[in-house]
Protein backbone atom coordinates (compact mmCIF):
# COMPACT_ATOMS: atom_id res chain seq x y z
CA MET A 1 54.40 107.94 66.53
CA PHE A 2 56.55 105.09 65.62
CA HIS A 3 56.68 102.21 67.28
CA LEU A 4 60.23 100.01 68.35
CA LEU A 5 60.34 96.42 68.67
CA SER A 6 63.86 94.93 69.36
CA PHE A 7 65.73 98.34 69.43
CA THR A 8 65.32 102.02 70.57
CA LEU A 9 66.47 105.25 68.72
CA THR A 10 69.10 107.25 70.68
CA CYS A 11 70.53 111.07 69.02
CA SER A 12 72.96 112.15 67.93
CA VAL A 13 73.68 115.59 67.86
CA ILE A 14 75.56 117.39 65.09
CA PHE A 15 75.87 121.16 64.91
CA VAL A 16 76.14 122.55 61.61
CA PRO A 17 77.40 125.93 60.55
CA ALA A 18 77.05 126.22 57.36
CA LEU A 19 73.64 126.01 58.16
CA GLY A 20 73.19 126.95 61.59
CA ILE A 21 71.38 123.83 62.50
CA LEU A 22 71.01 121.58 65.10
CA LEU A 23 71.12 118.23 63.25
CA ILE A 24 69.62 115.26 65.72
CA LEU A 25 70.04 111.92 63.78
CA GLN A 26 68.20 109.15 64.67
CA ILE A 27 70.50 106.24 64.88
CA ALA A 28 68.73 102.09 65.62
CA SER A 29 70.77 100.68 68.94
CA SER A 30 70.23 98.23 70.99
CA THR A 31 70.84 100.24 74.43
CA LYS A 32 67.88 102.05 76.60
CA LEU A 33 67.60 103.47 79.57
CA VAL A 34 64.08 103.43 81.12
CA CYS A 35 64.09 106.02 84.13
CA HIS A 36 60.85 105.97 86.83
CA MET A 37 59.37 108.61 88.13
CA THR A 38 56.86 108.50 91.60
CA ASN A 39 53.40 110.40 92.00
CA TRP A 40 53.98 110.22 95.14
CA ALA A 41 57.74 112.47 95.52
CA GLN A 42 55.62 115.87 94.61
CA TYR A 43 54.60 115.71 98.72
CA ARG A 44 58.96 115.69 99.78
CA PRO A 45 59.71 119.09 101.32
CA GLY A 46 61.90 122.02 100.06
CA ALA A 47 64.16 120.88 97.00
CA ALA A 48 63.23 117.32 97.34
CA LYS A 49 59.96 117.56 95.84
CA PHE A 50 59.55 116.98 92.40
CA THR A 51 57.72 116.70 89.44
CA PRO A 52 57.72 116.11 85.51
CA ASP A 53 58.71 119.31 85.13
CA ASN A 54 61.84 118.38 87.14
CA ILE A 55 62.70 115.84 84.19
CA ASP A 56 65.16 116.43 81.52
CA PRO A 57 63.13 115.54 78.56
CA PHE A 58 66.61 113.82 76.77
CA LEU A 59 67.85 112.37 79.92
CA CYS A 60 66.57 109.31 79.05
CA THR A 61 64.86 107.18 76.32
CA HIS A 62 61.25 106.43 78.19
CA ILE A 63 60.06 107.51 81.39
CA VAL A 64 57.78 105.55 83.34
CA TYR A 65 55.21 107.21 85.18
CA ALA A 66 54.62 105.28 88.75
CA GLN A 67 51.95 105.00 89.44
CA ALA A 68 48.03 104.08 88.11
CA SER A 69 46.08 101.29 90.13
CA ILE A 70 42.80 99.42 89.71
CA ASN A 71 39.38 100.09 90.63
CA SER A 72 36.90 97.29 91.85
CA LEU A 73 35.27 97.49 87.90
CA ASN A 74 38.68 95.97 86.98
CA GLN A 75 39.31 99.21 85.10
CA ILE A 76 42.78 102.02 85.37
CA SER A 77 42.12 104.19 87.92
CA THR A 78 44.19 107.02 88.93
CA VAL A 79 45.78 107.17 92.68
CA GLU A 80 46.58 110.69 93.53
CA ARG A 81 44.32 113.99 93.10
CA ASN A 82 46.56 115.75 90.16
CA ASP A 83 47.57 112.71 88.23
CA GLU A 84 45.35 113.56 85.01
CA GLN A 85 47.41 117.10 85.22
CA GLN A 86 51.53 115.21 85.48
CA TYR A 87 49.91 112.28 82.85
CA GLY A 88 50.37 115.66 81.20
CA ARG A 89 53.02 118.05 81.75
CA LEU A 90 54.51 114.46 81.32
CA ASN A 91 53.76 113.81 77.90
CA GLY A 92 53.84 117.53 77.28
CA LEU A 93 58.05 116.68 77.33
CA LYS A 94 57.37 114.79 74.04
CA ARG A 95 57.14 118.73 72.04
CA VAL A 96 61.11 118.66 73.54
CA ASN A 97 62.15 115.89 72.43
CA PRO A 98 60.35 113.70 69.89
CA VAL A 99 61.59 110.79 70.36
CA LEU A 100 61.34 110.87 73.87
CA LYS A 101 58.76 107.43 75.51
CA THR A 102 56.63 107.38 78.04
CA LEU A 103 54.51 104.52 79.84
CA LEU A 104 51.98 104.28 82.36
CA SER A 105 52.93 101.90 85.20
CA VAL A 106 49.88 100.19 87.08
CA GLY A 107 50.34 98.04 90.46
CA GLY A 108 51.19 98.70 93.86
CA THR A 109 48.25 97.83 96.10
CA VAL A 110 44.56 99.01 97.77
CA ASN A 111 43.58 97.99 100.83
CA GLY A 112 46.48 95.81 101.24
CA LEU A 113 45.39 93.69 98.67
CA ASN A 114 47.10 93.29 95.10
CA PRO A 115 44.36 94.74 92.61
CA PHE A 116 45.41 92.59 89.28
CA THR A 117 44.61 89.23 91.49
CA ALA A 118 40.35 90.13 90.68
CA VAL A 119 41.99 90.92 87.39
CA VAL A 120 43.21 88.05 86.22
CA ALA A 121 40.66 85.66 88.05
CA LYS A 122 38.22 85.40 85.01
CA ALA A 123 38.83 86.39 81.06
CA GLU A 124 36.22 89.00 81.57
CA GLY A 125 37.98 90.70 83.95
CA ARG A 126 41.08 90.22 81.92
CA ALA A 127 38.53 92.02 79.21
CA THR A 128 37.74 95.21 81.01
CA PHE A 129 40.76 95.89 82.33
CA ILE A 130 42.96 95.58 78.36
CA LYS A 131 39.80 97.92 77.46
CA SER A 132 40.47 100.21 80.02
CA ALA A 133 43.49 99.95 79.76
CA ILE A 134 43.66 101.48 75.94
CA SER A 135 41.12 103.84 76.58
CA PHE A 136 43.42 105.29 79.28
CA LEU A 137 46.81 105.78 77.57
CA ARG A 138 45.63 107.18 74.22
CA THR A 139 43.59 109.11 76.34
CA HIS A 140 46.44 110.62 78.47
CA ASN A 141 48.75 110.30 75.04
CA PHE A 142 50.82 107.80 76.85
CA ASP A 143 53.03 105.41 74.53
CA GLY A 144 52.81 102.03 76.62
CA LEU A 145 51.69 100.28 79.28
CA ASN A 146 53.68 99.33 82.55
CA LEU A 147 52.89 95.88 84.56
CA ALA A 148 53.86 96.58 88.08
CA TRP A 149 52.91 93.55 89.86
CA ASN A 150 56.03 92.51 90.95
CA HIS A 151 55.48 89.38 92.56
CA PRO A 152 52.89 86.75 90.60
CA GLY A 153 51.64 83.21 92.26
CA HIS A 154 52.16 84.75 96.25
CA ASN A 155 47.97 84.75 96.48
CA GLY A 156 47.49 81.51 97.47
CA SER A 157 47.02 79.73 93.78
CA PRO A 158 50.78 80.60 92.70
CA GLU A 159 50.23 78.17 89.45
CA ASP A 160 46.72 80.12 88.44
CA ASP A 161 48.56 83.26 89.24
CA LYS A 162 51.62 82.61 86.87
CA GLN A 163 49.37 81.28 84.27
CA SER A 164 46.59 83.92 84.85
CA PHE A 165 50.15 86.77 84.66
CA THR A 166 50.46 84.80 81.39
CA LEU A 167 47.97 85.24 79.95
CA LEU A 168 47.32 88.71 80.44
CA VAL A 169 50.08 89.97 79.15
CA THR A 170 49.88 87.55 75.77
CA GLU A 171 46.11 89.51 75.90
CA LEU A 172 47.75 92.65 76.75
CA PHE A 173 49.84 92.09 73.36
CA GLU A 174 47.16 90.89 71.24
CA ALA A 175 45.08 93.61 72.06
CA PHE A 176 47.53 96.36 71.42
CA ARG A 177 48.45 94.93 68.08
CA ASP A 178 44.97 94.95 67.40
CA GLU A 179 44.23 98.03 68.03
CA ALA A 180 46.59 100.27 66.50
CA ARG A 181 46.51 98.16 63.07
CA GLU A 182 42.25 98.81 63.02
CA ASN A 183 42.90 102.63 63.91
CA ARG A 184 46.35 102.54 61.58
CA ARG A 185 48.13 103.30 64.69
CA THR A 186 51.60 102.43 65.91
CA PRO A 187 51.05 100.19 68.92
CA LEU A 188 51.36 100.73 72.11
CA LEU A 189 54.08 99.33 74.61
CA LEU A 190 54.17 96.97 76.96
CA SER A 191 56.62 96.42 79.37
CA ALA A 192 56.96 94.38 83.23
CA SER A 193 58.67 95.41 86.25
CA VAL A 194 59.60 91.97 87.56
CA GLY A 195 61.25 90.08 91.03
CA SER A 196 65.04 89.11 90.99
CA LEU A 197 64.92 86.68 93.31
CA ILE A 198 65.49 82.99 92.11
CA PRO A 199 63.03 81.30 94.11
CA THR A 200 60.70 84.88 93.05
CA ILE A 201 61.54 84.02 89.67
CA ASP A 202 60.11 80.45 89.32
CA LYS A 203 57.77 80.81 91.36
CA ALA A 204 55.75 83.81 89.39
CA TYR A 205 56.70 83.80 86.12
CA GLU A 206 56.17 81.73 82.47
CA VAL A 207 58.89 83.19 81.51
CA ASP A 208 59.41 81.70 77.61
CA LYS A 209 55.88 81.97 77.23
CA ILE A 210 55.78 86.21 78.13
CA VAL A 211 59.55 87.44 77.20
CA SER A 212 57.90 87.77 73.54
CA ALA A 213 54.66 89.50 73.86
CA LEU A 214 57.48 91.91 76.43
CA ASP A 215 58.97 94.86 74.10
CA PHE A 216 61.49 95.35 77.20
CA ILE A 217 61.61 93.48 80.61
CA ASN A 218 62.70 95.90 83.85
CA VAL A 219 64.38 93.52 86.50
CA MET A 220 64.28 95.39 89.71
CA ASN A 221 68.18 94.12 90.84
CA PHE A 222 67.44 96.06 94.35
CA ASP A 223 66.67 95.38 97.86
CA PHE A 224 68.60 91.68 97.55
CA HIS A 225 69.12 92.95 101.75
CA GLY A 226 67.35 95.05 103.90
CA SER A 227 66.80 96.33 107.77
CA TRP A 228 64.27 93.77 107.94
CA GLU A 229 67.98 90.69 108.61
CA ALA A 230 70.10 90.77 111.74
CA ALA A 231 73.60 91.51 109.65
CA THR A 232 74.29 94.48 107.46
CA GLY A 233 74.08 93.69 103.67
CA HIS A 234 74.24 95.73 100.53
CA HIS A 235 70.29 96.09 98.72
CA SER A 236 72.37 95.92 94.99
CA PRO A 237 75.46 94.36 94.72
CA LEU A 238 76.43 93.00 91.70
CA TYR A 239 78.34 90.04 93.34
CA ALA A 240 77.68 87.15 96.25
CA SER A 241 80.03 88.52 99.03
CA SER A 242 81.87 85.68 101.30
CA GLU A 243 79.66 86.61 104.36
CA ASP A 244 77.15 84.92 102.04
CA SER A 245 75.36 82.21 103.14
CA GLY A 246 72.61 79.35 101.65
CA THR A 247 70.21 80.92 99.25
CA SER A 248 71.31 84.38 100.36
CA ILE A 249 74.64 83.39 97.90
CA HIS A 250 71.92 83.98 95.17
CA HIS A 251 70.66 88.26 96.54
CA ASN A 252 72.61 89.65 93.68
CA ILE A 253 72.46 90.73 90.09
CA ASN A 254 74.90 88.31 88.01
CA SER A 255 72.68 85.26 89.87
CA SER A 256 69.26 87.43 89.02
CA LEU A 257 70.11 88.05 85.55
CA SER A 258 72.18 84.86 85.20
CA HIS A 259 69.22 82.63 85.67
CA TRP A 260 66.43 84.77 83.51
CA LEU A 261 69.06 84.38 81.42
CA SER A 262 69.43 80.42 81.46
CA LEU A 263 65.23 80.71 81.27
CA GLY A 264 65.12 81.60 77.54
CA ALA A 265 64.52 85.55 78.05
CA PRO A 266 66.27 87.14 75.39
CA ALA A 267 69.11 89.49 76.72
CA GLU A 268 68.22 91.95 74.15
CA LYS A 269 65.01 92.62 76.41
CA LEU A 270 66.06 92.51 79.51
CA LEU A 271 67.62 96.12 81.26
CA LEU A 272 69.72 96.05 84.70
CA GLY A 273 68.05 97.83 87.70
CA PHE A 274 70.36 100.73 88.82
CA SER A 275 68.48 102.12 92.08
CA THR A 276 69.25 105.80 93.14
CA TYR A 277 68.49 105.36 97.25
CA GLY A 278 70.51 103.32 99.43
CA ARG A 279 68.98 100.48 102.80
CA THR A 280 69.91 101.30 105.80
CA PHE A 281 70.72 99.56 109.56
CA ARG A 282 71.01 100.82 112.70
CA LEU A 283 74.65 98.74 114.39
CA SER A 284 73.75 96.47 117.15
CA GLY A 285 77.33 96.07 117.99
CA GLY A 286 81.01 97.61 117.71
CA ALA A 287 81.18 95.88 114.20
CA ASN A 288 80.70 97.91 111.09
CA GLY A 289 81.67 96.34 108.00
CA LEU A 290 79.70 93.92 105.70
CA GLY A 291 77.94 91.10 107.57
CA ALA A 292 78.03 93.34 111.17
CA PRO A 293 75.00 93.22 113.33
CA ALA A 294 72.06 95.13 113.35
CA ASN A 295 68.94 95.99 114.84
CA GLY A 296 66.57 97.15 112.08
CA PRO A 297 66.96 100.79 110.42
CA THR A 298 68.33 104.06 110.85
CA GLU A 299 66.33 106.80 110.93
CA ALA A 300 64.39 108.07 108.05
CA GLY A 301 65.56 110.97 105.88
CA ALA A 302 64.57 113.85 106.21
CA PHE A 303 62.94 114.66 102.58
CA THR A 304 61.57 111.20 102.01
CA ARG A 305 60.80 110.11 105.34
CA THR A 306 60.36 106.57 105.30
CA GLU A 307 62.49 104.08 107.68
CA GLY A 308 65.10 101.97 106.07
CA PHE A 309 66.91 104.04 102.77
CA TRP A 310 67.66 107.37 102.24
CA SER A 311 68.14 109.35 98.84
CA TYR A 312 70.90 109.63 96.96
CA TYR A 313 71.12 113.29 97.46
CA GLU A 314 70.77 112.62 101.57
CA ILE A 315 73.05 110.02 101.27
CA CYS A 316 75.64 113.11 99.76
CA ASN A 317 74.84 114.77 103.22
CA TYR A 318 75.52 111.49 105.15
CA ILE A 319 78.69 111.03 104.15
CA ASN A 320 80.20 114.46 104.37
CA SER A 321 80.92 113.18 107.74
CA ALA A 322 80.65 109.52 107.38
CA THR A 323 83.31 106.95 106.56
CA VAL A 324 83.51 105.75 103.19
CA GLY A 325 84.24 101.98 102.01
CA TRP A 326 84.28 100.18 99.20
CA ILE A 327 83.01 96.01 99.11
CA SER A 328 85.12 94.73 96.75
CA GLU A 329 83.31 91.74 96.40
CA GLN A 330 80.75 93.08 95.21
CA GLU A 331 81.66 96.30 93.39
CA VAL A 332 79.71 98.84 95.88
CA PRO A 333 80.11 101.09 98.36
CA TYR A 334 78.27 101.64 101.99
CA ALA A 335 79.13 104.81 104.69
CA THR A 336 79.26 104.09 108.48
CA TYR A 337 78.48 107.41 111.12
CA ALA A 338 78.41 106.31 115.08
CA SER A 339 75.98 103.28 114.97
CA SER A 340 74.49 104.38 111.41
CA TRP A 341 74.48 102.48 108.14
CA VAL A 342 74.21 102.55 104.72
CA GLY A 343 74.73 100.65 101.51
CA TYR A 344 73.87 102.55 98.56
CA ASP A 345 75.64 103.18 95.12
CA ASP A 346 77.72 105.37 93.08
CA LYS A 347 79.43 106.48 89.76
CA ARG A 348 81.71 103.57 90.02
CA SER A 349 79.04 100.91 91.17
CA PHE A 350 77.23 102.10 88.04
CA SER A 351 80.38 101.92 86.05
CA SER A 352 80.83 98.12 86.94
CA LYS A 353 77.25 97.41 86.54
CA VAL A 354 77.12 98.81 82.71
CA GLN A 355 80.82 96.57 82.30
CA TRP A 356 78.52 93.40 83.66
CA LEU A 357 75.05 94.28 81.36
CA THR A 358 77.72 95.74 77.83
CA ALA A 359 79.47 92.30 78.48
CA HIS A 360 76.32 90.13 78.36
CA SER A 361 74.60 92.33 76.23
CA LEU A 362 71.62 93.51 78.09
CA GLY A 363 69.32 95.26 76.00
CA GLY A 364 70.30 98.58 78.40
CA ALA A 365 69.27 99.91 82.10
CA HIS A 366 65.82 101.28 84.40
CA VAL A 367 66.15 103.38 87.36
CA TRP A 368 64.54 103.63 90.27
CA THR A 369 63.87 106.50 90.32
CA LEU A 370 64.75 109.78 88.79
CA ASP A 371 63.19 112.17 91.88
CA MET A 372 65.79 109.87 93.96
CA ASP A 373 69.05 111.20 91.97
CA ASP A 374 69.81 114.81 92.94
CA PHE A 375 67.80 116.08 89.80
CA GLY A 376 68.10 119.60 91.02
CA GLY A 377 72.14 119.63 91.67
CA SER A 378 71.44 121.31 94.94
CA PHE A 379 73.00 118.76 97.29
CA CYS A 380 75.73 116.76 96.22
CA SER A 381 77.54 119.51 94.77
CA ASP A 382 77.64 117.48 90.96
CA GLY A 383 74.98 118.84 88.60
CA ALA A 384 71.54 118.17 88.24
CA PHE A 385 71.56 113.66 87.76
CA PRO A 386 74.96 113.15 88.58
CA LEU A 387 73.94 109.34 88.83
CA VAL A 388 71.76 108.43 85.82
CA ASN A 389 73.59 111.77 83.75
CA HIS A 390 76.69 109.32 84.12
CA LEU A 391 75.06 106.20 83.73
CA ARG A 392 73.48 107.33 80.54
CA THR A 393 77.19 108.72 79.48
CA SER A 394 78.45 105.08 80.22
CA LEU A 395 75.71 102.94 78.04
CA GLY A 396 77.09 104.97 75.09
CA PHE A 397 74.84 107.62 74.32
CA GLY A 398 76.27 110.83 72.61
CA PRO A 399 75.66 114.39 73.71
CA LYS A 400 72.64 116.12 74.86
CA PRO A 401 71.31 118.21 72.54
CA THR A 402 71.77 121.86 73.23
CA THR A 403 70.46 124.93 71.36
CA ALA A 404 73.05 126.90 69.48
CA PRO A 405 72.83 130.04 67.56
CA ALA A 406 72.60 130.34 63.80
CA ALA A 407 75.59 131.60 61.82
CA PRO A 408 75.95 134.77 60.35
CA ARG A 409 75.73 133.84 57.03
CA VAL A 410 73.15 130.63 55.87
CA ARG A 411 72.98 129.20 53.21
CA GLU A 412 69.68 127.50 53.49
CA ALA A 413 66.26 128.32 53.99
CA ALA A 414 65.86 126.13 56.93
CA SER A 415 68.49 127.88 59.19
CA THR A 416 65.87 129.98 58.91
CA PHE A 417 62.77 128.38 58.98
CA CYS A 418 61.70 129.37 62.88
CA VAL A 419 62.28 132.77 62.49
CA GLY A 420 59.39 134.33 63.55
CA ARG A 421 57.66 130.96 64.13
CA PRO A 422 56.07 129.68 67.65
CA ASN A 423 57.47 126.91 68.94
CA GLY A 424 55.74 123.14 68.00
CA LEU A 425 56.69 120.57 65.62
CA TYR A 426 56.05 120.87 61.42
CA VAL A 427 56.00 119.07 57.99
CA ASN A 428 59.11 120.41 55.96
CA THR A 429 57.14 119.94 52.54
CA ALA A 430 61.25 119.07 51.15
CA ASP A 431 61.45 115.50 52.63
CA ARG A 432 58.50 114.32 54.16
CA ASN A 433 60.64 111.60 56.58
CA THR A 434 61.40 114.72 58.38
CA PHE A 435 60.36 117.12 60.39
CA PHE A 436 61.50 120.43 61.80
CA GLN A 437 61.38 121.01 65.83
CA CYS A 438 61.54 124.96 66.45
CA SER A 439 62.01 125.87 70.08
CA ASN A 440 63.45 129.97 70.64
CA GLY A 441 63.49 130.65 67.08
CA TYR A 442 66.47 127.51 66.54
CA THR A 443 65.65 124.22 63.63
CA TYR A 444 66.00 121.03 64.43
CA LEU A 445 65.72 118.89 61.91
CA PHE A 446 64.37 114.74 62.95
CA HIS A 447 64.07 112.04 60.83
CA CYS A 448 61.31 109.63 60.89
CA GLN A 449 61.53 105.75 61.51
CA LEU A 450 62.48 104.51 57.54
CA GLY A 451 59.05 103.67 56.12
CA LEU A 452 57.69 106.12 57.93
CA VAL A 453 56.57 110.16 56.81
CA TYR A 454 55.73 113.04 59.29
CA SER A 455 52.09 113.79 59.88
CA ASP A 456 50.91 117.34 60.97
CA ILE A 457 47.53 115.79 61.88
CA CYS A 458 48.79 114.52 64.55
CA LYS A 459 52.09 115.59 65.15
CA CYS A 460 53.95 112.53 64.65
CA CYS A 461 55.50 109.96 62.53
CA ASP A 462 53.24 107.80 60.72
CA TRP A 463 52.22 105.38 57.79
CA PRO A 464 51.79 107.46 54.62
């Protein structure tokens, strides 16, 4: 399928009554909405269990599956017993939305160690990993790879790690391009999830050398503060506060992204990170505002079951009885009840962050994670995916496609093309630059990127 470099494709939906067709027109845009999902969310109880079946195919432009690991042979490997089945269900969403892109995120730890360390140490290790990555991604129908090596340069030889990460990124880019050329396929996408603290950025990345090889960069603009500190602090503030001092004055989105930009990262490749969770503290005194004394986290959430943070849907339940406050300096909310304190994001703070990224011409947003929003709409009484849907609208995406009945009278045969046909994608013989999607008897018309034609062999847009 077609490869998007400095832009992505969003959809403008137009229903033409005379034809009875819902037209989905692709429009070039610099805005991406990249949404992460985690393969461990399937183990959460009850209504919090999350799998690819819970994803709205039209909600995000890209879905990142987190995550795969690396085995002792320097090859990509699955983590969960059913990862391969999950891959199939996730990538099956592209049959509903053919312009959706999916990436596999690789990283994490193996027995407490960073698996990338051994990979990048020698050229042979990088070559093995790259060959493995291409085969794995193509086999499982992913559109790209996301590198979740969040802190290169922290393994005893900072400069070696930093330079080795550059080699890995540039060699992956070249290999992806060569593989696509040899096999007449669309090049695989390459992205990275990167640190947001200024010392980490300086220590870990040769920014000017890696940005040209990455399609987009997920800056992790969260976890600036947490229960490891002795006072309350919001984990994803837009700006500094009067409570900040020393290096903590830079523990905010504005400082982080401004630093990435100052080092030469193209604005259109940077994605501002939005979190669908909050960080918790246990208050240790009578104060309960920003900077109040604290001693560790409050109890774990009933569904996420990990101390130190709550999902947005858990926070929805909490704020029903809590006191909600707004940190005006940082444009983010918090809530307190008894000795519990949580800093989180809501629609208002998401809107403020969108204004920042728009003002600085960033490439869009990435979300950690879909499975911690109220994805089923059963907790917050605000519909499914209330935060991500609000983010999508705030970024300027048009309305999502909806099925519509055919008009009683039609003038074109195309309007009835899908009547009696199985769901799926079909050649439009009248215009090879377009193709039909049939869904429950309704006809949808998609346009390939300029210069490409639809191929029924791969069920994708390809070169003529």
